[in-house]
Amino acid sequence: MNEHAIEHAVGSAHPAEEAHPQAPTYIVVAIILTILTAFEIGVFYAPFLQVVLVPLLIILAILKFILVAAFYMHLHFDSRVFSALFIFPLGLATLIVLSLMLLFFALGEHLAL
């Protein structure tokens, strides 16, 4: 095989660089994360939100996780394969944890565990 055929089969030695965000994008994301964190703290101390405290904090934590994973881990800008390799085990681990919580907390009373 000639050099051109090898580069075509394997990929270029210098792949085309995709456009990654510049510093202002990261600063905006950091400001959004700071605002979400301040909102989390405020929600905890707001007495009228105590009824929905846990679901609201979970939603805010998920939003923050998505922002961090997408921008600071560069999943938003990389190949979808990397996102799938990250999301699939995360989803599997979440299902395992939820299953164990169901087993030990909800069914534990009935099974006398």
Protein backbone atom coordinates (compact mmCIF):
# COMPACT_ATOMS: atom_id res chain seq x y z
CA MET A 1 0.00 0.00 0.00
CA ASN A 2 1.19 3.45 -0.71
CA GLU A 3 1.33 6.22 1.90
CA HIS A 4 -1.87 7.89 0.70
CA ALA A 5 -3.85 4.65 0.97
CA ILE A 6 -2.52 4.01 4.48
CA GLU A 7 -3.44 7.54 5.62
CA HIS A 8 -6.90 7.12 4.12
CA ALA A 9 -7.41 3.75 5.85
CA VAL A 10 -5.98 4.68 9.24
CA GLY A 11 -6.67 8.39 9.29
CA SER A 12 -4.47 11.33 8.76
CA ALA A 13 -1.45 11.81 10.98
CA HIS A 14 -2.80 15.29 11.65
CA PRO A 15 -6.58 15.01 11.76
CA ALA A 16 -8.59 18.10 11.08
CA GLU A 17 -8.97 19.93 14.34
CA GLU A 18 -12.56 20.55 15.29
CA ALA A 19 -13.58 23.91 16.63
CA HIS A 20 -13.44 23.78 20.40
CA PRO A 21 -14.77 26.64 22.47
CA GLN A 22 -12.56 29.47 23.53
CA ALA A 23 -12.13 30.88 27.04
CA PRO A 24 -15.30 33.04 27.00
CA THR A 25 -17.44 29.93 26.55
CA TYR A 26 -15.86 28.29 29.59
CA ILE A 27 -16.32 31.49 31.60
CA VAL A 28 -20.03 31.60 30.69
CA VAL A 29 -20.42 27.94 31.68
CA ALA A 30 -18.63 28.64 34.98
CA ILE A 31 -20.97 31.57 35.66
CA ILE A 32 -24.01 29.38 34.92
CA LEU A 33 -22.66 26.69 37.26
CA THR A 34 -22.11 29.32 39.96
CA ILE A 35 -25.68 30.59 39.57
CA LEU A 36 -27.05 27.03 39.75
CA THR A 37 -24.99 26.37 42.89
CA ALA A 38 -26.25 29.58 44.52
CA PHE A 39 -29.80 28.56 43.59
CA GLU A 40 -29.21 25.14 45.20
CA ILE A 41 -28.10 26.81 48.42
CA GLY A 42 -31.06 29.19 48.34
CA VAL A 43 -33.51 26.34 47.73
CA PHE A 44 -32.21 24.55 50.81
CA TYR A 45 -32.96 27.54 53.05
CA ALA A 46 -36.33 28.47 51.51
CA PRO A 47 -39.03 27.07 53.83
CA PHE A 48 -41.78 27.10 51.18
CA LEU A 49 -39.70 24.82 48.92
CA GLN A 50 -39.10 22.11 51.52
CA VAL A 51 -41.90 19.99 50.02
CA VAL A 52 -40.06 19.69 46.70
CA LEU A 53 -36.52 20.04 48.06
CA VAL A 54 -35.09 16.65 47.09
CA PRO A 55 -36.51 16.44 43.54
CA LEU A 56 -35.46 20.05 42.87
CA LEU A 57 -31.91 19.44 44.14
CA ILE A 58 -31.67 16.28 42.03
CA ILE A 59 -32.77 18.17 38.92
CA LEU A 60 -30.24 20.95 39.60
CA ALA A 61 -27.48 18.38 40.18
CA ILE A 62 -28.32 16.67 36.87
CA LEU A 63 -28.21 20.02 35.05
CA LYS A 64 -24.82 20.82 36.56
CA PHE A 65 -23.53 17.35 35.71
CA ILE A 66 -24.62 17.72 32.08
CA LEU A 67 -22.90 21.11 31.79
CA VAL A 68 -19.66 19.81 33.29
CA ALA A 69 -19.65 16.64 31.18
CA ALA A 70 -20.54 18.45 27.97
CA PHE A 71 -18.10 21.34 28.22
CA TYR A 72 -15.28 20.56 30.64
CA MET A 73 -15.03 16.90 29.58
CA HIS A 74 -15.44 18.01 25.93
CA LEU A 75 -18.19 15.46 25.23
CA HIS A 76 -20.22 18.10 23.42
CA PHE A 77 -17.48 18.61 20.85
CA ASP A 78 -16.01 15.11 20.50
CA SER A 79 -17.25 12.11 18.59
CA ARG A 80 -20.60 10.60 19.56
CA VAL A 81 -18.72 7.37 20.24
CA PHE A 82 -17.05 8.96 23.26
CA SER A 83 -20.39 10.22 24.51
CA ALA A 84 -21.87 6.74 24.16
CA LEU A 85 -18.89 5.18 25.93
CA PHE A 86 -19.48 7.61 28.78
CA ILE A 87 -23.29 7.55 28.94
CA PHE A 88 -23.90 3.79 28.63
CA PRO A 89 -21.91 2.76 31.75
CA LEU A 90 -23.34 5.75 33.62
CA GLY A 91 -26.88 4.64 32.78
CA LEU A 92 -26.07 1.06 33.72
CA ALA A 93 -24.62 2.14 37.07
CA THR A 94 -27.70 4.30 37.71
CA LEU A 95 -30.00 1.35 37.04
CA ILE A 96 -27.98 -0.85 39.39
CA VAL A 97 -28.07 1.75 42.18
CA LEU A 98 -31.81 2.32 41.76
CA SER A 99 -32.41 -1.44 41.76
CA LEU A 100 -30.42 -1.86 44.96
CA MET A 101 -32.28 1.03 46.58
CA LEU A 102 -35.59 -0.58 45.62
CA LEU A 103 -34.42 -3.94 46.93
CA PHE A 104 -33.14 -2.75 50.30
CA PHE A 105 -35.48 0.14 51.12
CA ALA A 106 -38.82 -0.60 49.49
CA LEU A 107 -38.78 -4.39 49.52
CA GLY A 108 -36.62 -4.73 52.64
CA GLU A 109 -39.62 -4.21 54.92
CA HIS A 110 -41.51 -7.07 53.31
CA LEU A 111 -38.56 -9.43 53.05
CA ALA A 112 -37.20 -8.72 56.56
CA LEU A 113 -33.71 -8.04 55.24
